[in-house]
């Protein structure tokens, strides 16, 4: 099966929310309360986050990534926020390629993201560096 990778126009996001919500929810749940689904939906529909999707031959969305450009004093990078879907091995390598092209078209000169350790199997073969792990601890 082949997949098309595309960025949803923000004005169409609300039409697709019901198709991507369930894929994003596990990743949002791992944010330890920093985000909830309503805030993610609002950020996407307002255009603060861009949404990239993987669409199969039957025109079904099978994967989704939220991202946004971040301006640092010395550079601009595309930050990856939430990712989810099914059949990852068949679409995620193509999504990484399209992500790099899209980020460059947005004036970014890099990509960054925090992900669970299992994503390293895709990142390591795509030229990513593993700088650090991101750890959290709840207080109180």
Protein backbone atom coordinates (compact mmCIF):
# COMPACT_ATOMS: atom_id res chain seq x y z
CA UNK A 1 0.00 0.00 0.00
CA UNK A 2 1.23 3.48 -0.78
CA UNK A 3 0.56 6.64 1.17
CA UNK A 4 0.19 10.28 0.24
CA UNK A 5 1.71 12.71 2.71
CA UNK A 6 0.19 16.18 2.81
CA UNK A 7 -0.30 19.19 5.05
CA UNK A 8 -3.91 20.04 5.80
CA UNK A 9 -4.84 23.66 5.08
CA UNK A 10 -5.84 25.25 8.41
CA UNK A 11 -9.20 26.29 6.97
CA UNK A 12 -10.00 22.59 6.39
CA UNK A 13 -8.75 21.31 9.73
CA UNK A 14 -12.19 21.19 11.38
CA UNK A 15 -13.44 18.93 8.57
CA UNK A 16 -10.70 16.41 9.38
CA UNK A 17 -10.59 16.66 13.19
CA UNK A 18 -12.82 13.62 13.67
CA UNK A 19 -10.42 11.59 11.47
CA UNK A 20 -7.23 12.58 13.33
CA UNK A 21 -8.42 12.99 16.91
CA UNK A 22 -8.16 9.34 17.94
CA UNK A 23 -4.65 9.08 16.50
CA UNK A 24 -3.43 12.13 18.43
CA UNK A 25 -5.05 11.33 21.76
CA UNK A 26 -2.43 8.82 23.05
CA UNK A 27 0.38 11.31 22.33
CA UNK A 28 -1.52 14.18 23.94
CA UNK A 29 -2.21 11.99 26.99
CA UNK A 30 1.57 11.57 27.38
CA UNK A 31 1.97 15.35 27.74
CA UNK A 32 1.26 14.97 31.48
CA UNK A 33 -1.50 17.57 31.44
CA UNK A 34 0.37 20.20 29.43
CA UNK A 35 -2.16 19.77 26.64
CA UNK A 36 -5.63 18.34 26.20
CA UNK A 37 -7.47 17.49 23.00
CA UNK A 38 -9.48 20.71 22.95
CA UNK A 39 -6.33 22.83 23.15
CA UNK A 40 -4.67 20.84 20.38
CA UNK A 41 -7.76 21.27 18.18
CA UNK A 42 -7.80 25.01 18.87
CA UNK A 43 -4.07 25.35 18.07
CA UNK A 44 -4.53 23.47 14.79
CA UNK A 45 -7.66 25.27 13.64
CA UNK A 46 -6.08 28.65 14.46
CA UNK A 47 -3.00 27.77 12.43
CA UNK A 48 -0.59 27.78 15.40
CA UNK A 49 0.11 24.12 14.63
CA UNK A 50 0.27 22.69 11.13
CA UNK A 51 -1.08 19.19 10.57
CA UNK A 52 0.58 16.67 8.26
CA UNK A 53 -1.30 13.48 7.43
CA UNK A 54 -0.60 10.13 5.80
CA UNK A 55 -3.47 9.04 3.51
CA UNK A 56 -3.75 5.49 2.19
CA UNK A 57 -4.94 4.28 -1.23
CA UNK A 58 -8.54 4.18 0.05
CA UNK A 59 -8.30 7.90 1.00
CA UNK A 60 -8.27 7.07 4.72
CA UNK A 61 -6.04 9.01 7.09
CA UNK A 62 -3.71 6.55 8.82
CA UNK A 63 -1.25 8.93 10.45
CA UNK A 64 -1.05 12.48 11.72
CA UNK A 65 1.69 14.83 12.95
CA UNK A 66 1.31 18.29 14.47
CA UNK A 67 4.16 20.75 14.11
CA UNK A 68 5.01 24.43 14.25
CA UNK A 69 7.94 26.64 13.31
CA UNK A 70 9.96 27.95 16.26
CA UNK A 71 12.14 31.03 15.97
CA UNK A 72 15.26 30.98 18.13
CA UNK A 73 17.71 33.89 18.15
CA UNK A 74 20.10 31.99 15.89
CA UNK A 75 17.84 29.89 13.70
CA UNK A 76 14.35 28.74 12.78
CA UNK A 77 13.35 25.09 13.21
CA UNK A 78 10.21 23.03 12.74
CA UNK A 79 9.14 21.57 16.08
CA UNK A 80 7.28 18.25 16.03
CA UNK A 81 4.63 18.09 18.74
CA UNK A 82 2.20 15.18 18.53
CA UNK A 83 2.25 12.10 16.32
CA UNK A 84 -0.06 9.14 16.04
CA UNK A 85 -1.51 6.62 13.67
CA UNK A 86 -1.41 3.03 12.57
CA UNK A 87 0.81 1.12 10.14
CA UNK A 88 3.72 3.47 10.99
CA UNK A 89 6.41 1.43 9.24
CA UNK A 90 4.67 1.95 5.89
CA UNK A 91 4.21 5.73 6.00
CA UNK A 92 6.48 7.31 8.59
CA UNK A 93 9.72 7.17 6.53
CA UNK A 94 7.93 9.04 3.72
CA UNK A 95 6.51 11.50 6.22
CA UNK A 96 10.02 12.30 7.49
CA UNK A 97 11.09 13.11 3.92
CA UNK A 98 8.05 15.31 3.27
CA UNK A 99 8.48 16.95 6.67
CA UNK A 100 12.00 18.06 5.76
CA UNK A 101 10.78 19.51 2.46
CA UNK A 102 7.87 21.29 4.12
CA UNK A 103 10.04 22.68 6.93
CA UNK A 104 12.53 24.08 4.41
CA UNK A 105 9.66 25.72 2.49
CA UNK A 106 8.68 27.45 5.76
CA UNK A 107 12.17 28.91 6.12
CA UNK A 108 13.32 26.36 8.72
CA UNK A 109 16.84 25.03 8.72
CA UNK A 110 16.23 22.19 11.15
CA UNK A 111 13.76 19.87 12.82
CA UNK A 112 13.33 19.17 16.52
CA UNK A 113 11.08 17.05 18.64
CA UNK A 114 10.69 15.07 21.79
CA UNK A 115 9.43 11.53 21.38
CA UNK A 116 9.28 8.25 23.20
CA UNK A 117 12.36 6.13 22.72
CA UNK A 118 10.67 3.80 20.20
CA UNK A 119 10.75 6.52 17.54
CA UNK A 120 14.54 6.33 17.42
CA UNK A 121 14.24 3.36 15.04
CA UNK A 122 12.94 5.79 12.37
CA UNK A 123 14.98 8.84 13.35
CA UNK A 124 18.38 7.12 13.44
CA UNK A 125 18.16 6.10 9.77
CA UNK A 126 16.99 9.55 8.69
CA UNK A 127 19.97 11.60 9.85
CA UNK A 128 18.68 12.66 13.26
CA UNK A 129 21.02 13.10 16.23
CA UNK A 130 20.03 11.83 19.66
CA UNK A 131 21.09 14.75 21.86
CA UNK A 132 19.19 13.95 25.03
CA UNK A 133 16.17 12.37 26.61
CA UNK A 134 13.30 14.40 28.02
CA UNK A 135 12.27 13.34 31.50
CA UNK A 136 9.42 14.50 33.72
CA UNK A 137 8.52 14.19 37.39
CA UNK A 138 5.28 15.16 39.01
CA UNK A 139 5.54 17.09 42.29
CA UNK A 140 2.97 17.07 45.07
